[in-house]
Amino acid sequence: MPFFPNTSLELWEYQESTTRFNLYGEPELEYNHITTVDCDMQPLSVTDSLKEYGEILQDTYKTYLDITVPVTDTMICRVQGKTDTYKVIGTPSHNNHLLNHIKLLLQKERKPTPLP
């Protein structure tokens, strides 16, 4: 459980449309709103970025969520009330030791995914 929730984060799950198709007959992309959760979202420091990835990742955030949040690595996230979207980097880390929580690394998308 995050101790200092400072952001409301919308979680959107990818799904292929069953009714709408593009010019090539492929299903169009759709995103369904799963839930909005309170979380602790912090910028990833240069030191943390170098330690974990060996390079500096720009516009990357570490996010701490409650252990019960249904989050997957294919989700798109958006801060409630904003237009910028974030993609999940890697797999959500479920930590079930002393403090149960999910650690999620989010990277801001250069071109925001259009969400309803």
PDB file of N, CA and C in Angstrom:
ATOM      1  N   MET A   1       0.840  -1.185   0.000  1.00  0.00           N
ATOM      2  CA  MET A   1       0.000   0.000   0.000  1.00  0.00           C
ATOM      3  C   MET A   1       0.879   1.239   0.000  1.00  0.00           C
ATOM      4  N   PRO A   2       0.673   2.137  -0.948  1.00  0.00           N
ATOM      5  CA  PRO A   2       1.495   3.347  -0.978  1.00  0.00           C
ATOM      6  C   PRO A   2       1.177   4.252   0.210  1.00  0.00           C
ATOM      7  N   PHE A   3       2.225   4.726   0.874  1.00  0.00           N
ATOM      8  CA  PHE A   3       2.031   5.578   2.042  1.00  0.00           C
ATOM      9  C   PHE A   3       1.675   7.011   1.671  1.00  0.00           C
ATOM     10  N   PHE A   4       2.181   7.483   0.542  1.00  0.00           N
ATOM     11  CA  PHE A   4       1.985   8.875   0.167  1.00  0.00           C
ATOM     12  C   PHE A   4       1.352   8.986  -1.214  1.00  0.00           C
ATOM     13  N   PRO A   5       0.074   8.619  -1.362  1.00  0.00           N
ATOM     14  CA  PRO A   5      -0.546   8.740  -2.685  1.00  0.00           C
ATOM     15  C   PRO A   5      -0.653  10.206  -3.081  1.00  0.00           C
ATOM     16  N   ASN A   6      -0.091  10.542  -4.239  1.00  0.00           N
ATOM     17  CA  ASN A   6      -0.089  11.928  -4.692  1.00  0.00           C
ATOM     18  C   ASN A   6      -0.724  12.112  -6.072  1.00  0.00           C
ATOM     19  N   THR A   7      -1.174  11.024  -6.679  1.00  0.00           N
ATOM     20  CA  THR A   7      -1.695  11.082  -8.044  1.00  0.00           C
ATOM     21  C   THR A   7      -2.842  10.089  -8.201  1.00  0.00           C
ATOM     22  N   SER A   8      -3.849  10.484  -8.980  1.00  0.00           N
ATOM     23  CA  SER A   8      -4.900   9.547  -9.391  1.00  0.00           C
ATOM     24  C   SER A   8      -4.560   9.092 -10.800  1.00  0.00           C
ATOM     25  N   LEU A   9      -4.382   7.804 -10.970  1.00  0.00           N
ATOM     26  CA  LEU A   9      -3.916   7.232 -12.230  1.00  0.00           C
ATOM     27  C   LEU A   9      -5.025   6.396 -12.855  1.00  0.00           C
ATOM     28  N   GLU A  10      -5.330   6.683 -14.124  1.00  0.00           N
ATOM     29  CA  GLU A  10      -6.309   5.899 -14.871  1.00  0.00           C
ATOM     30  C   GLU A  10      -5.584   4.756 -15.568  1.00  0.00           C
ATOM     31  N   LEU A  11      -6.132   3.556 -15.485  1.00  0.00           N
ATOM     32  CA  LEU A  11      -5.556   2.380 -16.139  1.00  0.00           C
ATOM     33  C   LEU A  11      -6.456   1.975 -17.298  1.00  0.00           C
ATOM     34  N   TRP A  12      -5.871   1.878 -18.485  1.00  0.00           N
ATOM     35  CA  TRP A  12      -6.598   1.536 -19.702  1.00  0.00           C
ATOM     36  C   TRP A  12      -6.006   0.260 -20.293  1.00  0.00           C
ATOM     37  N   GLU A  13      -6.849  -0.709 -20.625  1.00  0.00           N
ATOM     38  CA  GLU A  13      -6.402  -1.999 -21.167  1.00  0.00           C
ATOM     39  C   GLU A  13      -6.658  -2.053 -22.668  1.00  0.00           C
ATOM     40  N   TYR A  14      -5.676  -2.572 -23.398  1.00  0.00           N
ATOM     41  CA  TYR A  14      -5.747  -2.745 -24.855  1.00  0.00           C
ATOM     42  C   TYR A  14      -6.733  -3.849 -25.201  1.00  0.00           C
ATOM     43  N   GLN A  15      -7.512  -3.604 -26.260  1.00  0.00           N
ATOM     44  CA  GLN A  15      -8.434  -4.619 -26.767  1.00  0.00           C
ATOM     45  C   GLN A  15      -8.646  -4.371 -28.254  1.00  0.00           C
ATOM     46  N   GLU A  16      -8.767  -5.438 -29.029  1.00  0.00           N
ATOM     47  CA  GLU A  16      -9.056  -5.293 -30.451  1.00  0.00           C
ATOM     48  C   GLU A  16     -10.555  -5.216 -30.655  1.00  0.00           C
ATOM     49  N   SER A  17     -10.979  -4.310 -31.521  1.00  0.00           N
ATOM     50  CA  SER A  17     -12.399  -4.123 -31.799  1.00  0.00           C
ATOM     51  C   SER A  17     -12.953  -5.331 -32.551  1.00  0.00           C
ATOM     52  N   THR A  18     -14.182  -5.691 -32.250  1.00  0.00           N
ATOM     53  CA  THR A  18     -14.837  -6.782 -32.979  1.00  0.00           C
ATOM     54  C   THR A  18     -15.815  -6.237 -34.017  1.00  0.00           C
ATOM     55  N   THR A  19     -16.019  -4.909 -34.020  1.00  0.00           N
ATOM     56  CA  THR A  19     -16.994  -4.320 -34.940  1.00  0.00           C
ATOM     57  C   THR A  19     -16.373  -3.334 -35.924  1.00  0.00           C
ATOM     58  N   ARG A  20     -15.207  -2.768 -35.592  1.00  0.00           N
ATOM     59  CA  ARG A  20     -14.578  -1.765 -36.457  1.00  0.00           C
ATOM     60  C   ARG A  20     -13.261  -2.306 -37.007  1.00  0.00           C
ATOM     61  N   PHE A  21     -13.072  -2.119 -38.321  1.00  0.00           N
ATOM     62  CA  PHE A  21     -11.876  -2.626 -38.985  1.00  0.00           C
ATOM     63  C   PHE A  21     -11.263  -1.514 -39.825  1.00  0.00           C
ATOM     64  N   ASN A  22      -9.935  -1.568 -40.023  1.00  0.00           N
ATOM     65  CA  ASN A  22      -9.267  -0.562 -40.847  1.00  0.00           C
ATOM     66  C   ASN A  22      -9.334  -0.964 -42.324  1.00  0.00           C
ATOM     67  N   LEU A  23      -8.643  -0.214 -43.190  1.00  0.00           N
ATOM     68  CA  LEU A  23      -8.662  -0.471 -44.632  1.00  0.00           C
ATOM     69  C   LEU A  23      -8.169  -1.859 -45.015  1.00  0.00           C
ATOM     70  N   TYR A  24      -7.311  -2.429 -44.191  1.00  0.00           N
ATOM     71  CA  TYR A  24      -6.707  -3.725 -44.499  1.00  0.00           C
ATOM     72  C   TYR A  24      -7.465  -4.898 -43.877  1.00  0.00           C
ATOM     73  N   GLY A  25      -8.601  -4.613 -43.255  1.00  0.00           N
ATOM     74  CA  GLY A  25      -9.403  -5.668 -42.644  1.00  0.00           C
ATOM     75  C   GLY A  25      -8.931  -6.090 -41.262  1.00  0.00           C
ATOM     76  N   GLU A  26      -7.991  -5.337 -40.698  1.00  0.00           N
ATOM     77  CA  GLU A  26      -7.494  -5.655 -39.358  1.00  0.00           C
ATOM     78  C   GLU A  26      -8.349  -4.938 -38.314  1.00  0.00           C
ATOM     79  N   PRO A  27      -8.555  -5.544 -37.155  1.00  0.00           N
ATOM     80  CA  PRO A  27      -9.353  -4.889 -36.120  1.00  0.00           C
ATOM     81  C   PRO A  27      -8.683  -3.612 -35.625  1.00  0.00           C
ATOM     82  N   GLU A  28      -9.478  -2.575 -35.381  1.00  0.00           N
ATOM     83  CA  GLU A  28      -8.946  -1.327 -34.862  1.00  0.00           C
ATOM     84  C   GLU A  28      -8.631  -1.471 -33.370  1.00  0.00           C
ATOM     85  N   LEU A  29      -7.700  -0.639 -32.916  1.00  0.00           N
ATOM     86  CA  LEU A  29      -7.311  -0.665 -31.519  1.00  0.00           C
ATOM     87  C   LEU A  29      -8.340   0.073 -30.667  1.00  0.00           C
ATOM     88  N   GLU A  30      -8.638  -0.491 -29.524  1.00  0.00           N
ATOM     89  CA  GLU A  30      -9.518   0.155 -28.556  1.00  0.00           C
ATOM     90  C   GLU A  30      -8.887   0.027 -27.187  1.00  0.00           C
ATOM     91  N   TYR A  31      -9.120   1.000 -26.349  1.00  0.00           N
ATOM     92  CA  TYR A  31      -8.676   0.937 -24.963  1.00  0.00           C
ATOM     93  C   TYR A  31      -9.884   1.091 -24.062  1.00  0.00           C
ATOM     94  N   ASN A  32     -10.050   0.158 -23.132  1.00  0.00           N
ATOM     95  CA  ASN A  32     -11.154   0.190 -22.185  1.00  0.00           C
ATOM     96  C   ASN A  32     -10.646   0.663 -20.833  1.00  0.00           C
ATOM     97  N   HIS A  33     -11.386   1.578 -20.230  1.00  0.00           N
ATOM     98  CA  HIS A  33     -11.016   2.083 -18.906  1.00  0.00           C
ATOM     99  C   HIS A  33     -11.291   0.988 -17.880  1.00  0.00           C
ATOM    100  N   ILE A  34     -10.252   0.568 -17.161  1.00  0.00           N
ATOM    101  CA  ILE A  34     -10.386  -0.485 -16.160  1.00  0.00           C
ATOM    102  C   ILE A  34     -10.718   0.113 -14.799  1.00  0.00           C
ATOM    103  N   THR A  35      -9.892   1.039 -14.336  1.00  0.00           N
ATOM    104  CA  THR A  35     -10.103   1.640 -13.021  1.00  0.00           C
ATOM    105  C   THR A  35      -9.262   2.902 -12.889  1.00  0.00           C
ATOM    106  N   THR A  36      -9.564   3.675 -11.880  1.00  0.00           N
ATOM    107  CA  THR A  36      -8.746   4.823 -11.492  1.00  0.00           C
ATOM    108  C   THR A  36      -8.282   4.563 -10.070  1.00  0.00           C
ATOM    109  N   VAL A  37      -6.970   4.649  -9.848  1.00  0.00           N
ATOM    110  CA  VAL A  37      -6.411   4.343  -8.526  1.00  0.00           C
ATOM    111  C   VAL A  37      -5.544   5.488  -8.029  1.00  0.00           C
ATOM    112  N   ASP A  38      -5.470   5.606  -6.720  1.00  0.00           N
ATOM    113  CA  ASP A  38      -4.536   6.550  -6.113  1.00  0.00           C
ATOM    114  C   ASP A  38      -3.191   5.858  -5.994  1.00  0.00           C
ATOM    115  N   CYS A  39      -2.127   6.578  -6.319  1.00  0.00           N
ATOM    116  CA  CYS A  39      -0.797   5.980  -6.298  1.00  0.00           C
ATOM    117  C   CYS A  39       0.231   7.022  -5.898  1.00  0.00           C
ATOM    118  N   ASP A  40       1.435   6.551  -5.635  1.00  0.00           N
ATOM    119  CA  ASP A  40       2.588   7.403  -5.371  1.00  0.00           C
ATOM    120  C   ASP A  40       3.437   7.377  -6.639  1.00  0.00           C
ATOM    121  N   MET A  41       3.483   8.497  -7.360  1.00  0.00           N
ATOM    122  CA  MET A  41       4.202   8.578  -8.634  1.00  0.00           C
ATOM    123  C   MET A  41       5.361   9.550  -8.485  1.00  0.00           C
ATOM    124  N   GLN A  42       6.582   9.046  -8.732  1.00  0.00           N
ATOM    125  CA  GLN A  42       7.790   9.853  -8.554  1.00  0.00           C
ATOM    126  C   GLN A  42       8.672   9.743  -9.789  1.00  0.00           C
ATOM    127  N   PRO A  43       9.355  10.828 -10.159  1.00  0.00           N
ATOM    128  CA  PRO A  43      10.300  10.728 -11.277  1.00  0.00           C
ATOM    129  C   PRO A  43      11.435   9.761 -10.936  1.00  0.00           C
ATOM    130  N   LEU A  44      11.872   8.986 -11.909  1.00  0.00           N
ATOM    131  CA  LEU A  44      12.993   8.067 -11.719  1.00  0.00           C
ATOM    132  C   LEU A  44      14.280   8.883 -11.770  1.00  0.00           C
ATOM    133  N   SER A  45      15.070   8.792 -10.715  1.00  0.00           N
ATOM    134  CA  SER A  45      16.301   9.583 -10.663  1.00  0.00           C
ATOM    135  C   SER A  45      17.337   9.019 -11.634  1.00  0.00           C
ATOM    136  N   VAL A  46      18.301   9.849 -11.978  1.00  0.00           N
ATOM    137  CA  VAL A  46      19.382   9.432 -12.882  1.00  0.00           C
ATOM    138  C   VAL A  46      20.144   8.259 -12.276  1.00  0.00           C
ATOM    139  N   THR A  47      20.399   8.298 -10.973  1.00  0.00           N
ATOM    140  CA  THR A  47      21.122   7.221 -10.293  1.00  0.00           C
ATOM    141  C   THR A  47      20.356   5.907 -10.382  1.00  0.00           C
ATOM    142  N   ASP A  48      19.039   5.940 -10.097  1.00  0.00           N
ATOM    143  CA  ASP A  48      18.223   4.723 -10.184  1.00  0.00           C
ATOM    144  C   ASP A  48      18.181   4.186 -11.608  1.00  0.00           C
ATOM    145  N   SER A  49      18.071   5.088 -12.567  1.00  0.00           N
ATOM    146  CA  SER A  49      18.026   4.691 -13.973  1.00  0.00           C
ATOM    147  C   SER A  49      19.319   4.011 -14.402  1.00  0.00           C
ATOM    148  N   LEU A  50      20.448   4.580 -14.026  1.00  0.00           N
ATOM    149  CA  LEU A  50      21.740   3.983 -14.367  1.00  0.00           C
ATOM    150  C   LEU A  50      21.946   2.648 -13.665  1.00  0.00           C
ATOM    151  N   LYS A  51      21.493   2.553 -12.409  1.00  0.00           N
ATOM    152  CA  LYS A  51      21.676   1.330 -11.633  1.00  0.00           C
ATOM    153  C   LYS A  51      20.860   0.175 -12.228  1.00  0.00           C
ATOM    154  N   GLU A  52      19.615   0.440 -12.649  1.00  0.00           N
ATOM    155  CA  GLU A  52      18.745  -0.621 -13.140  1.00  0.00           C
ATOM    156  C   GLU A  52      18.948  -0.934 -14.623  1.00  0.00           C
ATOM    157  N   TYR A  53      19.184   0.093 -15.453  1.00  0.00           N
ATOM    158  CA  TYR A  53      19.204  -0.109 -16.899  1.00  0.00           C
ATOM    159  C   TYR A  53      20.544   0.171 -17.552  1.00  0.00           C
ATOM    160  N   GLY A  54      21.464   0.818 -16.840  1.00  0.00           N
ATOM    161  CA  GLY A  54      22.761   1.135 -17.405  1.00  0.00           C
ATOM    162  C   GLY A  54      22.725   2.308 -18.359  1.00  0.00           C
ATOM    163  N   GLU A  55      21.609   2.994 -18.403  1.00  0.00           N
ATOM    164  CA  GLU A  55      21.474   4.182 -19.248  1.00  0.00           C
ATOM    165  C   GLU A  55      20.475   5.132 -18.603  1.00  0.00           C
ATOM    166  N   ILE A  56      20.485   6.370 -19.048  1.00  0.00           N
ATOM    167  CA  ILE A  56      19.559   7.357 -18.501  1.00  0.00           C
ATOM    168  C   ILE A  56      18.262   7.299 -19.299  1.00  0.00           C
ATOM    169  N   LEU A  57      17.175   6.982 -18.618  1.00  0.00           N
ATOM    170  CA  LEU A  57      15.859   6.959 -19.241  1.00  0.00           C
ATOM    171  C   LEU A  57      15.159   8.276 -18.931  1.00  0.00           C
ATOM    172  N   GLN A  58      14.772   8.997 -19.966  1.00  0.00           N
ATOM    173  CA  GLN A  58      14.113  10.277 -19.753  1.00  0.00           C
ATOM    174  C   GLN A  58      12.606  10.094 -19.652  1.00  0.00           C
ATOM    175  N   ASP A  59      11.953  11.001 -18.921  1.00  0.00           N
ATOM    176  CA  ASP A  59      10.504  10.979 -18.735  1.00  0.00           C
ATOM    177  C   ASP A  59      10.022   9.626 -18.210  1.00  0.00           C
ATOM    178  N   THR A  60      10.742   9.068 -17.254  1.00  0.00           N
ATOM    179  CA  THR A  60      10.387   7.789 -16.648  1.00  0.00           C
ATOM    180  C   THR A  60      10.019   8.014 -15.192  1.00  0.00           C
ATOM    181  N   TYR A  61       8.992   7.302 -14.745  1.00  0.00           N
ATOM    182  CA  TYR A  61       8.476   7.477 -13.391  1.00  0.00           C
ATOM    183  C   TYR A  61       8.335   6.123 -12.712  1.00  0.00           C
ATOM    184  N   LYS A  62       8.638   6.092 -11.421  1.00  0.00           N
ATOM    185  CA  LYS A  62       8.362   4.888 -10.640  1.00  0.00           C
ATOM    186  C   LYS A  62       7.058   5.153  -9.888  1.00  0.00           C
ATOM    187  N   THR A  63       6.191   4.169  -9.933  1.00  0.00           N
ATOM    188  CA  THR A  63       4.853   4.311  -9.380  1.00  0.00           C
ATOM    189  C   THR A  63       4.595   3.158  -8.432  1.00  0.00           C
ATOM    190  N   TYR A  64       4.054   3.476  -7.274  1.00  0.00           N
ATOM    191  CA  TYR A  64       3.733   2.470  -6.268  1.00  0.00           C
ATOM    192  C   TYR A  64       2.226   2.381  -6.116  1.00  0.00           C
ATOM    193  N   LEU A  65       1.688   1.173  -6.299  1.00  0.00           N
ATOM    194  CA  LEU A  65       0.249   0.928  -6.247  1.00  0.00           C
ATOM    195  C   LEU A  65      -0.075  -0.083  -5.161  1.00  0.00           C
ATOM    196  N   ASP A  66      -1.338  -0.118  -4.769  1.00  0.00           N
ATOM    197  CA  ASP A  66      -1.812  -1.134  -3.837  1.00  0.00           C
ATOM    198  C   ASP A  66      -1.687  -2.510  -4.492  1.00  0.00           C
ATOM    199  N   ILE A  67      -1.435  -3.528  -3.702  1.00  0.00           N
ATOM    200  CA  ILE A  67      -1.198  -4.889  -4.211  1.00  0.00           C
ATOM    201  C   ILE A  67      -2.425  -5.474  -4.917  1.00  0.00           C
ATOM    202  N   THR A  68      -3.616  -4.935  -4.651  1.00  0.00           N
ATOM    203  CA  THR A  68      -4.848  -5.487  -5.224  1.00  0.00           C
ATOM    204  C   THR A  68      -5.221  -4.876  -6.577  1.00  0.00           C
ATOM    205  N   VAL A  69      -4.452  -3.915  -7.073  1.00  0.00           N
ATOM    206  CA  VAL A  69      -4.768  -3.252  -8.341  1.00  0.00           C
ATOM    207  C   VAL A  69      -4.513  -4.215  -9.505  1.00  0.00           C
ATOM    208  N   PRO A  70      -5.498  -4.386 -10.409  1.00  0.00           N
ATOM    209  CA  PRO A  70      -5.331  -5.303 -11.540  1.00  0.00           C
ATOM    210  C   PRO A  70      -4.549  -4.644 -12.673  1.00  0.00           C
ATOM    211  N   VAL A  71      -3.231  -4.655 -12.584  1.00  0.00           N
ATOM    212  CA  VAL A  71      -2.389  -3.985 -13.577  1.00  0.00           C
ATOM    213  C   VAL A  71      -1.622  -5.020 -14.393  1.00  0.00           C
ATOM    214  N   THR A  72      -1.487  -4.740 -15.711  1.00  0.00           N
ATOM    215  CA  THR A  72      -0.731  -5.629 -16.590  1.00  0.00           C
ATOM    216  C   THR A  72       0.302  -4.809 -17.364  1.00  0.00           C
ATOM    217  N   ASP A  73       1.193  -5.498 -18.038  1.00  0.00           N
ATOM    218  CA  ASP A  73       2.255  -4.807 -18.775  1.00  0.00           C
ATOM    219  C   ASP A  73       1.789  -4.244 -20.116  1.00  0.00           C
ATOM    220  N   THR A  74       0.550  -4.512 -20.531  1.00  0.00           N
ATOM    221  CA  THR A  74       0.038  -3.986 -21.795  1.00  0.00           C
ATOM    222  C   THR A  74      -0.842  -2.751 -21.603  1.00  0.00           C
ATOM    223  N   MET A  75      -0.992  -2.304 -20.385  1.00  0.00           N
ATOM    224  CA  MET A  75      -1.866  -1.168 -20.098  1.00  0.00           C
ATOM    225  C   MET A  75      -1.232   0.163 -20.491  1.00  0.00           C
ATOM    226  N   ILE A  76      -2.094   1.114 -20.780  1.00  0.00           N
ATOM    227  CA  ILE A  76      -1.712   2.508 -20.970  1.00  0.00           C
ATOM    228  C   ILE A  76      -2.260   3.252 -19.757  1.00  0.00           C
ATOM    229  N   CYS A  77      -1.454   4.148 -19.197  1.00  0.00           N
ATOM    230  CA  CYS A  77      -1.860   4.893 -18.004  1.00  0.00           C
ATOM    231  C   CYS A  77      -1.950   6.372 -18.335  1.00  0.00           C
ATOM    232  N   ARG A  78      -2.841   7.052 -17.631  1.00  0.00           N
ATOM    233  CA  ARG A  78      -2.997   8.488 -17.808  1.00  0.00           C
ATOM    234  C   ARG A  78      -3.334   9.097 -16.451  1.00  0.00           C
ATOM    235  N   VAL A  79      -2.674  10.210 -16.126  1.00  0.00           N
ATOM    236  CA  VAL A  79      -2.994  10.924 -14.896  1.00  0.00           C
ATOM    237  C   VAL A  79      -4.360  11.556 -15.105  1.00  0.00           C
ATOM    238  N   GLN A  80      -5.229  11.381 -14.120  1.00  0.00           N
ATOM    239  CA  GLN A  80      -6.592  11.867 -14.238  1.00  0.00           C
ATOM    240  C   GLN A  80      -6.612  13.379 -14.497  1.00  0.00           C
ATOM    241  N   GLY A  81      -7.335  13.774 -15.541  1.00  0.00           N
ATOM    242  CA  GLY A  81      -7.450  15.181 -15.888  1.00  0.00           C
ATOM    243  C   GLY A  81      -6.366  15.699 -16.816  1.00  0.00           C
ATOM    244  N   LYS A  82      -5.414  14.871 -17.201  1.00  0.00           N
ATOM    245  CA  LYS A  82      -4.316  15.271 -18.096  1.00  0.00           C
ATOM    246  C   LYS A  82      -4.462  14.567 -19.441  1.00  0.00           C
ATOM    247  N   THR A  83      -3.672  14.989 -20.435  1.00  0.00           N
ATOM    248  CA  THR A  83      -3.729  14.361 -21.757  1.00  0.00           C
ATOM    249  C   THR A  83      -2.546  13.452 -22.031  1.00  0.00           C
ATOM    250  N   ASP A  84      -1.431  13.624 -21.294  1.00  0.00           N
ATOM    251  CA  ASP A  84      -0.252  12.779 -21.506  1.00  0.00           C
ATOM    252  C   ASP A  84      -0.551  11.341 -21.100  1.00  0.00           C
ATOM    253  N   THR A  85      -0.019  10.388 -21.885  1.00  0.00           N
ATOM    254  CA  THR A  85      -0.191   8.977 -21.562  1.00  0.00           C
ATOM    255  C   THR A  85       1.177   8.347 -21.297  1.00  0.00           C
ATOM    256  N   TYR A  86       1.162   7.237 -20.582  1.00  0.00           N
ATOM    257  CA  TYR A  86       2.385   6.550 -20.166  1.00  0.00           C
ATOM    258  C   TYR A  86       2.246   5.072 -20.481  1.00  0.00           C
ATOM    259  N   LYS A  87       3.351   4.475 -20.948  1.00  0.00           N
ATOM    260  CA  LYS A  87       3.364   3.033 -21.179  1.00  0.00           C
ATOM    261  C   LYS A  87       4.149   2.359 -20.059  1.00  0.00           C
ATOM    262  N   VAL A  88       3.803   1.120 -19.796  1.00  0.00           N
ATOM    263  CA  VAL A  88       4.462   0.337 -18.754  1.00  0.00           C
ATOM    264  C   VAL A  88       5.760  -0.212 -19.321  1.00  0.00           C
ATOM    265  N   ILE A  89       6.848  -0.048 -18.572  1.00  0.00           N
ATOM    266  CA  ILE A  89       8.146  -0.596 -18.962  1.00  0.00           C
ATOM    267  C   ILE A  89       8.349  -1.886 -18.167  1.00  0.00           C
ATOM    268  N   GLY A  90       8.592  -2.964 -18.860  1.00  0.00           N
ATOM    269  CA  GLY A  90       8.816  -4.237 -18.179  1.00  0.00           C
ATOM    270  C   GLY A  90       7.527  -4.813 -17.611  1.00  0.00           C
ATOM    271  N   THR A  91       7.673  -5.625 -16.588  1.00  0.00           N
ATOM    272  CA  THR A  91       6.553  -6.279 -15.938  1.00  0.00           C
ATOM    273  C   THR A  91       6.329  -5.641 -14.577  1.00  0.00           C
ATOM    274  N   PRO A  92       5.067  -5.426 -14.187  1.00  0.00           N
ATOM    275  CA  PRO A  92       4.809  -4.898 -12.843  1.00  0.00           C
ATOM    276  C   PRO A  92       5.414  -5.810 -11.785  1.00  0.00           C
ATOM    277  N   SER A  93       6.091  -5.204 -10.826  1.00  0.00           N
ATOM    278  CA  SER A  93       6.767  -5.952  -9.770  1.00  0.00           C
ATOM    279  C   SER A  93       5.864  -6.051  -8.548  1.00  0.00           C
ATOM    280  N   HIS A  94       5.416  -7.267  -8.219  1.00  0.00           N
ATOM    281  CA  HIS A  94       4.554  -7.499  -7.063  1.00  0.00           C
ATOM    282  C   HIS A  94       5.433  -7.824  -5.861  1.00  0.00           C
ATOM    283  N   ASN A  95       5.474  -6.923  -4.893  1.00  0.00           N
ATOM    284  CA  ASN A  95       6.275  -7.109  -3.685  1.00  0.00           C
ATOM    285  C   ASN A  95       5.355  -7.481  -2.530  1.00  0.00           C
ATOM    286  N   ASN A  96       5.514  -8.690  -2.022  1.00  0.00           N
ATOM    287  CA  ASN A  96       4.620  -9.157  -0.971  1.00  0.00           C
ATOM    288  C   ASN A  96       5.368  -9.448   0.327  1.00  0.00           C
ATOM    289  N   HIS A  97       6.376  -8.640   0.604  1.00  0.00           N
ATOM    290  CA  HIS A  97       7.103  -8.810   1.858  1.00  0.00           C
ATOM    291  C   HIS A  97       6.550  -7.835   2.882  1.00  0.00           C
ATOM    292  N   LEU A  98       7.354  -7.139   3.614  1.00  0.00           N
ATOM    293  CA  LEU A  98       6.915  -6.276   4.712  1.00  0.00           C
ATOM    294  C   LEU A  98       5.782  -5.332   4.319  1.00  0.00           C
ATOM    295  N   LEU A  99       5.937  -4.621   3.228  1.00  0.00           N
ATOM    296  CA  LEU A  99       4.902  -3.711   2.739  1.00  0.00           C
ATOM    297  C   LEU A  99       4.405  -4.205   1.386  1.00  0.00           C
ATOM    298  N   ASN A 100       3.199  -4.730   1.346  1.00  0.00           N
ATOM    299  CA  ASN A 100       2.645  -5.253   0.101  1.00  0.00           C
ATOM    300  C   ASN A 100       2.343  -4.109  -0.854  1.00  0.00           C
ATOM    301  N   HIS A 101       2.934  -4.148  -2.053  1.00  0.00           N
ATOM    302  CA  HIS A 101       2.691  -3.122  -3.052  1.00  0.00           C
ATOM    303  C   HIS A 101       3.127  -3.613  -4.429  1.00  0.00           C
ATOM    304  N   ILE A 102       2.725  -2.864  -5.438  1.00  0.00           N
ATOM    305  CA  ILE A 102       3.156  -3.117  -6.809  1.00  0.00           C
ATOM    306  C   ILE A 102       4.009  -1.938  -7.233  1.00  0.00           C
ATOM    307  N   LYS A 103       5.189  -2.225  -7.765  1.00  0.00           N
ATOM    308  CA  LYS A 103       6.050  -1.172  -8.311  1.00  0.00           C
ATOM    309  C   LYS A 103       5.952  -1.248  -9.831  1.00  0.00           C
ATOM    310  N   LEU A 104       5.680  -0.096 -10.420  1.00  0.00           N
ATOM    311  CA  LEU A 104       5.445  -0.005 -11.845  1.00  0.00           C
ATOM    312  C   LEU A 104       6.334   1.090 -12.407  1.00  0.00           C
ATOM    313  N   LEU A 105       7.057   0.799 -13.481  1.00  0.00           N
ATOM    314  CA  LEU A 105       7.841   1.835 -14.161  1.00  0.00           C
ATOM    315  C   LEU A 105       7.060   2.309 -15.373  1.00  0.00           C
ATOM    316  N   LEU A 106       6.819   3.609 -15.438  1.00  0.00           N
ATOM    317  CA  LEU A 106       6.054   4.209 -16.520  1.00  0.00           C
ATOM    318  C   LEU A 106       6.937   5.164 -17.313  1.00  0.00           C
ATOM    319  N   GLN A 107       6.782   5.146 -18.625  1.00  0.00           N
ATOM    320  CA  GLN A 107       7.520   6.079 -19.472  1.00  0.00           C
ATOM    321  C   GLN A 107       6.516   6.888 -20.283  1.00  0.00           C
ATOM    322  N   LYS A 108       6.711   8.200 -20.255  1.00  0.00           N
ATOM    323  CA  LYS A 108       5.821   9.102 -20.979  1.00  0.00           C
ATOM    324  C   LYS A 108       5.959   8.854 -22.475  1.00  0.00           C
ATOM    325  N   GLU A 109       4.825   8.735 -23.155  1.00  0.00           N
ATOM    326  CA  GLU A 109       4.835   8.524 -24.596  1.00  0.00           C
ATOM    327  C   GLU A 109       5.026   9.852 -25.309  1.00  0.00           C
ATOM    328  N   ARG A 110       5.869   9.859 -26.329  1.00  0.00           N
ATOM    329  CA  ARG A 110       6.116  11.090 -27.091  1.00  0.00           C
ATOM    330  C   ARG A 110       4.849  11.558 -27.799  1.00  0.00           C
ATOM    331  N   LYS A 111       4.109  10.599 -28.357  1.00  0.00           N
ATOM    332  CA  LYS A 111       2.820  10.913 -28.978  1.00  0.00           C
ATOM    333  C   LYS A 111       1.751  10.232 -28.127  1.00  0.00           C
ATOM    334  N   PRO A 112       0.944  11.009 -27.394  1.00  0.00           N
ATOM    335  CA  PRO A 112      -0.049  10.404 -26.500  1.00  0.00           C
ATOM    336  C   PRO A 112      -1.027   9.495 -27.245  1.00  0.00           C
ATOM    337  N   THR A 113      -1.347   8.370 -26.636  1.00  0.00           N
ATOM    338  CA  THR A 113      -2.344   7.460 -27.177  1.00  0.00           C
ATOM    339  C   THR A 113      -3.719   8.111 -27.022  1.00  0.00           C
ATOM    340  N   PRO A 114      -4.513   8.179 -28.121  1.00  0.00           N
ATOM    341  CA  PRO A 114      -5.838   8.783 -27.991  1.00  0.00           C
ATOM    342  C   PRO A 114      -6.758   7.904 -27.154  1.00  0.00           C
ATOM    343  N   LEU A 115      -7.232   8.427 -26.054  1.00  0.00           N
ATOM    344  CA  LEU A 115      -8.150   7.723 -25.166  1.00  0.00           C
ATOM    345  C   LEU A 115      -9.435   8.529 -25.051  1.00  0.00           C
ATOM    346  N   PRO A 116     -10.568   7.850 -24.891  1.00  0.00           N
ATOM    347  CA  PRO A 116     -11.840   8.596 -24.758  1.00  0.00           C
ATOM    348  C   PRO A 116     -11.900   9.431 -23.499  1.00  0.00           C
TER     349      PRO A 116
END
